Amino acid sequence: MRAAFARHDGRKPAPLTIGCAASLAWCALPGALAELSRAEQPMPELSLVEGRVLHLAEKLHMGDLDAVLTITTPESAVELDDPVLIVEQVHRVSNVVVAAPTWSVTKCSAPWSDLRKLPWVLPPATFIQRRIVQQAFLEAGEMPPEPAIESVNMPAMLRFAEAGLGLTAVPRYAARPMLRAGTLRMVRTTPAIASVPISFAYRRSASNLAVLHRLRDALQAQLTQD
């Protein structure tokens, strides 16, 4: 610690308060912050506020947050459409349907008509991930199924799928560790499920623009990993 402080000549940036969608908070932020901590420049203290994008956008407008990292939806685009803000797309993330490796659908390309007959683990109807799944079924001419398990917690959804309790659909970055470990497998849907953009928003007049740009770049590097 003494060596780190000496390297930074005692200079310490102002604390950051970041608003973030919950799935991004536990998937993307840890790796991005770890990358920043290895840099020669000092790391700011960080406060994290998790929540829905409409609430976070309001806090950003009021100056309670320095930046917001979120999945971009039509609603969030409207809330963040303000000339005092800079909104940058850091990645367009693919969504994947996953299931336990023992499920036969993980070994083939499955039409949505077949997937409708299987149990699903999904968030409530107001969540973007649920709406993406509903859209995929509707575009395939199928009525979306009601979930066998409904949860707002994405790590729990993944563990339910891992336990063989149903299919779930999540951003690829969220399922990445389990896919690499082989405890979950992708279900290759026909057609593929929609992707969504991830945005980083901050005020043009922010006094800590250099730090925000470093964080943005580190987040982009994390999200674009295979």
Protein backbone atom coordinates (compact mmCIF):
# COMPACT_ATOMS: atom_id res chain seq x y z
CA MET A 1 0.00 0.00 0.00
CA ARG A 2 2.83 2.41 0.83
CA ALA A 3 4.43 1.68 -2.55
CA ALA A 4 1.13 2.33 -4.32
CA PHE A 5 0.66 5.68 -2.58
CA ALA A 6 4.23 6.65 -3.34
CA ARG A 7 3.76 5.78 -7.01
CA HIS A 8 0.71 8.02 -7.16
CA ASP A 9 2.49 10.89 -5.38
CA GLY A 10 -0.34 11.08 -2.85
CA ARG A 11 -2.82 12.30 -5.45
CA LYS A 12 -6.29 10.82 -5.06
CA PRO A 13 -9.22 11.49 -7.42
CA ALA A 14 -12.63 12.50 -6.11
CA PRO A 15 -14.97 9.63 -5.17
CA LEU A 16 -17.27 8.24 -7.86
CA THR A 17 -20.93 7.31 -7.44
CA ILE A 18 -22.05 4.97 -10.21
CA GLY A 19 -25.58 3.83 -10.94
CA CYS A 20 -25.73 0.38 -12.47
CA ALA A 21 -28.12 -2.35 -13.54
CA ALA A 22 -27.74 -5.25 -11.10
CA SER A 23 -26.54 -7.77 -13.70
CA LEU A 24 -23.81 -5.41 -14.88
CA ALA A 25 -22.78 -4.67 -11.30
CA TRP A 26 -21.81 -8.26 -10.57
CA CYS A 27 -20.64 -9.27 -14.06
CA ALA A 28 -18.84 -6.31 -15.64
CA LEU A 29 -17.81 -3.91 -12.88
CA PRO A 30 -15.48 -6.21 -10.86
CA GLY A 31 -13.23 -6.98 -13.82
CA ALA A 32 -13.24 -3.37 -15.01
CA LEU A 33 -12.28 -2.06 -11.57
CA ALA A 34 -9.59 -4.71 -11.20
CA GLU A 35 -8.12 -3.55 -14.52
CA LEU A 36 -8.17 0.08 -13.39
CA SER A 37 -6.47 -0.82 -10.10
CA ARG A 38 -3.51 -2.23 -12.04
CA ALA A 39 -2.98 1.07 -13.85
CA GLU A 40 -0.43 3.67 -12.81
CA GLN A 41 -3.11 6.27 -12.10
CA PRO A 42 -4.82 6.29 -8.68
CA MET A 43 -8.23 4.65 -8.27
CA PRO A 44 -11.11 6.71 -6.88
CA GLU A 45 -13.28 5.52 -4.04
CA LEU A 46 -16.46 4.07 -5.51
CA SER A 47 -20.06 4.04 -4.33
CA LEU A 48 -22.40 1.77 -6.26
CA VAL A 49 -26.15 2.34 -6.58
CA GLU A 50 -28.05 -0.55 -8.18
CA GLY A 51 -31.56 -0.15 -9.54
CA ARG A 52 -33.88 0.20 -12.49
CA VAL A 53 -32.76 2.59 -15.19
CA LEU A 54 -35.59 5.11 -14.82
CA HIS A 55 -34.69 5.68 -11.16
CA LEU A 56 -30.97 5.88 -11.95
CA ALA A 57 -31.54 8.34 -14.80
CA GLU A 58 -33.43 10.64 -12.44
CA LYS A 59 -30.57 10.53 -9.91
CA LEU A 60 -28.06 11.29 -12.68
CA HIS A 61 -30.07 14.35 -13.73
CA MET A 62 -30.19 15.53 -10.11
CA GLY A 63 -26.43 15.18 -9.71
CA ASP A 64 -26.62 12.34 -7.17
CA LEU A 65 -24.74 10.04 -9.57
CA ASP A 66 -21.61 10.64 -11.62
CA ALA A 67 -22.53 8.08 -14.28
CA VAL A 68 -25.01 5.33 -15.14
CA LEU A 69 -24.20 1.99 -16.76
CA THR A 70 -27.32 0.26 -18.03
CA ILE A 71 -28.99 -1.89 -20.63
CA THR A 72 -30.54 0.49 -23.14
CA THR A 73 -34.29 0.24 -23.60
CA PRO A 74 -36.68 2.60 -25.41
CA GLU A 75 -37.72 3.94 -22.00
CA SER A 76 -34.15 4.55 -20.85
CA ALA A 77 -33.27 6.23 -24.17
CA VAL A 78 -36.04 8.76 -23.55
CA GLU A 79 -34.96 9.37 -19.94
CA LEU A 80 -31.32 9.88 -20.93
CA ASP A 81 -32.08 12.04 -23.96
CA ASP A 82 -30.81 15.33 -22.55
CA PRO A 83 -28.24 17.77 -24.02
CA VAL A 84 -26.48 18.01 -20.65
CA LEU A 85 -25.66 14.28 -20.80
CA ILE A 86 -23.27 12.22 -22.88
CA VAL A 87 -24.64 8.75 -23.61
CA GLU A 88 -22.17 6.33 -25.20
CA GLN A 89 -22.85 2.77 -26.31
CA VAL A 90 -20.03 0.64 -24.92
CA HIS A 91 -21.20 -2.68 -26.32
CA ARG A 92 -24.10 -4.48 -27.96
CA VAL A 93 -24.44 -7.65 -25.97
CA SER A 94 -25.93 -10.87 -27.27
CA ASN A 95 -28.55 -12.69 -25.22
CA VAL A 96 -28.45 -16.46 -24.90
CA VAL A 97 -30.87 -19.16 -23.85
CA VAL A 98 -29.17 -21.61 -21.48
CA ALA A 99 -30.04 -24.91 -19.84
CA ALA A 100 -28.39 -27.68 -17.88
CA PRO A 101 -26.06 -29.85 -20.02
CA THR A 102 -28.30 -32.88 -19.45
CA TRP A 103 -31.11 -31.29 -21.46
CA SER A 104 -31.31 -32.60 -25.01
CA VAL A 105 -32.09 -29.15 -26.43
CA THR A 106 -28.52 -28.03 -25.67
CA LYS A 107 -27.24 -30.31 -28.42
CA CYS A 108 -29.26 -28.90 -31.31
CA SER A 109 -30.80 -25.80 -32.82
CA ALA A 110 -34.27 -25.58 -31.31
CA PRO A 111 -37.29 -23.79 -32.81
CA TRP A 112 -39.30 -21.61 -30.43
CA SER A 113 -42.33 -23.87 -30.91
CA ASP A 114 -40.40 -26.69 -29.18
CA LEU A 115 -39.06 -24.42 -26.44
CA ARG A 116 -42.57 -23.28 -25.56
CA LYS A 117 -43.32 -26.76 -24.22
CA LEU A 118 -40.47 -26.61 -21.69
CA PRO A 119 -40.35 -24.94 -18.25
CA TRP A 120 -38.78 -21.46 -18.09
CA VAL A 121 -37.10 -19.42 -15.37
CA LEU A 122 -37.75 -15.73 -16.08
CA PRO A 123 -37.96 -12.32 -14.39
CA PRO A 124 -41.27 -10.41 -14.00
CA ALA A 125 -43.02 -9.09 -17.09
CA THR A 126 -41.71 -5.53 -16.61
CA PHE A 127 -38.05 -6.61 -16.97
CA ILE A 128 -36.23 -6.26 -20.31
CA GLN A 129 -35.05 -9.90 -20.27
CA ARG A 130 -38.66 -11.14 -20.00
CA ARG A 131 -39.74 -8.84 -22.82
CA ILE A 132 -36.90 -10.09 -25.04
CA VAL A 133 -38.06 -13.68 -24.57
CA GLN A 134 -41.68 -12.72 -25.19
CA GLN A 135 -40.68 -10.89 -28.39
CA ALA A 136 -38.76 -13.94 -29.64
CA PHE A 137 -41.80 -16.21 -29.17
CA LEU A 138 -44.19 -13.72 -30.76
CA GLU A 139 -41.94 -13.20 -33.79
CA ALA A 140 -41.87 -16.98 -34.23
CA GLY A 141 -45.69 -17.03 -34.17
CA GLU A 142 -45.88 -18.60 -30.71
CA MET A 143 -47.56 -17.41 -27.51
CA PRO A 144 -44.93 -16.76 -24.81
CA PRO A 145 -45.04 -19.31 -21.97
CA GLU A 146 -45.67 -18.43 -18.34
CA PRO A 147 -42.53 -19.09 -16.26
CA ALA A 148 -42.34 -22.12 -14.00
CA ILE A 149 -40.12 -19.99 -11.71
CA GLU A 150 -40.18 -16.19 -11.62
CA SER A 151 -37.27 -14.29 -10.05
CA VAL A 152 -35.78 -10.80 -10.18
CA ASN A 153 -32.35 -12.18 -9.25
CA MET A 154 -30.25 -13.14 -12.29
CA PRO A 155 -27.68 -15.23 -10.35
CA ALA A 156 -30.61 -17.20 -8.89
CA MET A 157 -32.12 -17.67 -12.35
CA LEU A 158 -28.82 -19.10 -13.58
CA ARG A 159 -28.56 -21.45 -10.61
CA PHE A 160 -32.14 -22.67 -11.17
CA ALA A 161 -31.23 -23.41 -14.80
CA GLU A 162 -27.99 -25.09 -13.69
CA ALA A 163 -30.06 -27.33 -11.39
CA GLY A 164 -32.16 -28.44 -14.35
CA LEU A 165 -35.31 -26.60 -13.29
CA GLY A 166 -35.87 -24.82 -16.58
CA LEU A 167 -34.47 -22.75 -19.42
CA THR A 168 -33.53 -19.13 -18.90
CA ALA A 169 -32.40 -16.26 -21.13
CA VAL A 170 -29.68 -13.86 -19.97
CA PRO A 171 -27.01 -11.58 -21.44
CA ARG A 172 -24.07 -13.68 -22.59
CA TYR A 173 -21.68 -11.93 -20.17
CA ALA A 174 -23.82 -13.11 -17.22
CA ALA A 175 -23.68 -16.77 -18.25
CA ARG A 176 -20.03 -16.69 -19.34
CA PRO A 177 -18.47 -18.31 -16.20
CA MET A 178 -20.98 -21.19 -16.16
CA LEU A 179 -20.66 -21.73 -19.91
CA ARG A 180 -16.88 -21.91 -19.59
CA ALA A 181 -17.18 -24.31 -16.65
CA GLY A 182 -19.62 -26.50 -18.57
CA THR A 183 -22.34 -26.34 -15.89
CA LEU A 184 -24.62 -24.63 -18.40
CA ARG A 185 -24.92 -25.05 -22.16
CA MET A 186 -26.34 -22.73 -24.77
CA VAL A 187 -29.58 -23.59 -26.54
CA ARG A 188 -29.15 -22.44 -30.14
CA THR A 189 -32.52 -20.94 -30.95
CA THR A 190 -34.06 -20.64 -34.41
CA PRO A 191 -34.19 -17.71 -35.00
CA ALA A 192 -31.65 -16.26 -32.57
CA ILE A 193 -32.77 -14.15 -29.61
CA ALA A 194 -32.34 -10.36 -29.87
CA SER A 195 -29.25 -8.51 -28.65
CA VAL A 196 -29.35 -5.31 -26.57
CA PRO A 197 -27.06 -2.25 -26.33
CA ILE A 198 -25.24 -1.31 -23.12
CA SER A 199 -24.82 2.42 -22.50
CA PHE A 200 -22.63 4.56 -20.24
CA ALA A 201 -24.12 7.98 -19.47
CA TYR A 202 -22.55 10.95 -17.65
CA ARG A 203 -22.82 14.73 -17.50
CA ARG A 204 -20.88 16.84 -20.00
CA SER A 205 -19.84 19.19 -17.21
CA ALA A 206 -18.48 16.45 -14.93
CA SER A 207 -15.27 17.46 -13.16
CA ASN A 208 -13.91 13.91 -13.28
CA LEU A 209 -14.22 13.24 -17.02
CA ALA A 210 -10.77 11.61 -17.27
CA VAL A 211 -11.67 9.02 -14.60
CA LEU A 212 -15.08 8.39 -16.18
CA HIS A 213 -13.44 7.80 -19.57
CA ARG A 214 -11.00 5.32 -18.03
CA LEU A 215 -13.89 3.46 -16.40
CA ARG A 216 -15.86 3.48 -19.66
CA ASP A 217 -12.92 1.99 -21.58
CA ALA A 218 -12.35 -0.69 -18.92
CA LEU A 219 -16.04 -1.63 -18.98
CA GLN A 220 -15.99 -1.87 -22.76
CA ALA A 221 -12.99 -4.20 -22.59
CA GLN A 222 -14.82 -6.44 -20.09
CA LEU A 223 -18.05 -6.59 -22.03
CA THR A 224 -16.42 -7.38 -25.37
CA GLN A 225 -14.63 -10.49 -24.11
CA ASP A 226 -15.66 -13.78 -25.71
